[in-house]
Protein backbone atom coordinates (compact mmCIF):
# COMPACT_ATOMS: atom_id res chain seq x y z
CA MET A 1 0.00 0.00 0.00
CA SER A 2 1.35 3.42 -0.97
CA ASP A 3 1.43 6.38 1.37
CA ARG A 4 1.66 8.75 -1.58
CA GLN A 5 -0.91 11.50 -1.61
CA PRO A 6 -3.23 11.80 -4.61
CA ALA A 7 -1.98 13.98 -7.47
CA VAL A 8 -4.83 16.43 -6.77
CA ASP A 9 -6.51 17.12 -3.44
CA LEU A 10 -10.17 17.32 -4.39
CA THR A 11 -10.98 19.45 -1.35
CA ALA A 12 -8.90 22.24 -2.91
CA LEU A 13 -11.06 22.09 -6.02
CA ASP A 14 -14.18 22.13 -3.83
CA ARG A 15 -12.85 25.24 -2.05
CA LEU A 16 -12.21 26.95 -5.38
CA LEU A 17 -15.71 26.07 -6.49
CA ASP A 18 -17.12 27.49 -3.26
CA MET A 19 -15.06 30.67 -3.69
CA THR A 20 -16.55 31.16 -7.15
CA GLY A 21 -20.10 30.65 -5.95
CA GLY A 22 -20.30 27.25 -7.61
CA ASP A 23 -19.25 28.53 -11.04
CA VAL A 24 -18.19 25.26 -12.67
CA GLU A 25 -17.42 26.97 -15.99
CA PHE A 26 -14.98 29.34 -14.29
CA LEU A 27 -13.28 26.43 -12.52
CA ASP A 28 -13.04 24.61 -15.86
CA GLU A 29 -11.40 27.72 -17.37
CA LEU A 30 -8.87 27.79 -14.52
CA VAL A 31 -8.06 24.14 -15.09
CA GLU A 32 -7.77 24.60 -18.86
CA THR A 33 -5.43 27.57 -18.39
CA TYR A 34 -3.35 25.57 -15.92
CA LEU A 35 -3.15 22.57 -18.26
CA ALA A 36 -2.10 24.81 -21.16
CA ASP A 37 0.41 26.84 -19.15
CA GLY A 38 2.01 23.96 -17.25
CA PRO A 39 3.93 22.56 -20.23
CA VAL A 40 5.14 26.07 -21.09
CA GLN A 41 6.52 26.54 -17.56
CA LEU A 42 8.00 23.04 -17.53
CA GLY A 43 9.65 23.68 -20.90
CA ALA A 44 11.23 26.86 -19.59
CA MET A 45 12.40 24.98 -16.50
CA ARG A 46 13.91 22.18 -18.61
CA GLU A 47 15.69 24.66 -20.88
CA ALA A 48 17.10 26.57 -17.89
CA ALA A 49 18.23 23.33 -16.23
CA LEU A 50 19.92 22.11 -19.40
CA ASN A 51 21.67 25.47 -19.77
CA GLY A 52 22.72 25.54 -16.12
CA SER A 53 20.76 28.75 -15.57
CA ALA A 54 19.67 29.06 -11.95
CA GLY A 55 18.11 32.43 -12.72
CA GLY A 56 16.09 30.93 -15.55
CA LEU A 57 14.58 28.36 -13.19
CA ILE A 58 13.16 30.81 -10.68
CA ARG A 59 10.18 32.37 -12.44
CA PRO A 60 8.70 29.27 -14.13
CA SER A 61 9.15 27.10 -11.03
CA HIS A 62 7.54 29.81 -8.88
CA SER A 63 4.62 30.18 -11.29
CA LEU A 64 3.95 26.45 -11.56
CA LYS A 65 4.38 26.06 -7.79
CA SER A 66 1.72 28.67 -7.05
CA ASN A 67 -0.74 27.51 -9.68
CA SER A 68 -0.34 23.88 -8.64
CA ALA A 69 -0.92 24.71 -4.99
CA ASN A 70 -4.09 26.62 -5.87
CA LEU A 71 -5.50 23.59 -7.69
CA GLY A 72 -4.58 21.12 -4.95
CA ALA A 73 -1.55 19.57 -6.65
CA ALA A 74 0.52 19.66 -3.46
CA HIS A 75 3.24 17.21 -4.50
CA LEU A 76 3.89 19.06 -7.76
CA ALA A 77 3.87 22.36 -5.88
CA ASP A 78 6.46 20.95 -3.48
CA LEU A 79 8.70 19.73 -6.32
CA CYS A 80 8.55 23.22 -7.84
CA ARG A 81 9.21 24.81 -4.44
CA VAL A 82 12.45 22.86 -4.13
CA LEU A 83 13.46 23.82 -7.67
CA GLU A 84 12.75 27.48 -6.95
CA ALA A 85 14.56 27.46 -3.60
CA THR A 86 17.67 25.78 -4.93
CA ALA A 87 17.71 28.07 -7.97
CA ARG A 88 17.47 31.12 -5.69
CA ASP A 89 20.54 29.73 -3.91
CA GLY A 90 22.29 29.50 -7.30
CA VAL A 91 22.31 25.71 -7.27
CA VAL A 92 21.63 23.90 -10.54
CA ASP A 93 23.12 20.51 -9.64
CA GLY A 94 20.32 17.97 -9.86
CA ALA A 95 17.95 20.43 -11.52
CA ILE A 96 17.48 18.29 -14.62
CA GLU A 97 16.36 15.34 -12.48
CA ARG A 98 14.06 17.57 -10.42
CA VAL A 99 12.51 19.01 -13.59
CA ALA A 100 11.98 15.46 -14.91
CA ALA A 101 10.21 14.58 -11.66
CA ALA A 102 8.02 17.68 -12.00
CA GLU A 103 7.20 16.78 -15.61
CA ALA A 104 6.14 13.27 -14.59
CA GLU A 105 4.06 14.61 -11.71
CA PHE A 106 2.41 17.17 -13.99
CA GLU A 107 1.18 14.27 -16.15
CA GLU A 108 -0.34 12.67 -13.03
CA VAL A 109 -2.00 15.98 -12.15
CA ARG A 110 -3.27 16.40 -15.72
CA ALA A 111 -4.84 12.94 -15.66
CA ALA A 112 -6.44 13.59 -12.27
CA LEU A 113 -7.89 16.95 -13.32
CA LEU A 114 -9.26 15.51 -16.56
CA ALA A 115 -10.80 12.60 -14.64
CA VAL A 116 -12.50 15.00 -12.23
CA ARG A 117 -13.96 16.92 -15.14
CA ALA A 118 -15.09 13.75 -16.92
CA ASN A 119 -16.82 12.46 -13.78
CA ARG A 120 -18.86 15.58 -13.20
């Protein structure tokens, strides 16, 4: 049995839905924007990691961290938090592996968010 948390905490989505007065269409727009923007941020992170650019890792990892946290993707947010923190310290060692982990987790999050939408 795994002690791994789900890719998306559904209570976070419920809170967002409550905050929007139950506006499912708005929540769907948020999710669509997140799913479209995530690969862009991950691509920028991968490029920065491959180029050894700590500075280039900061903004996209911060953006994906915040957006992931808002949608209940805590594990992905934590992976991005570590990337951002180490980049702020000027450390790029291991960044490629951390970006790869974030990319894999994003796919888990994507699948979970699409499943939630399909099951509505």
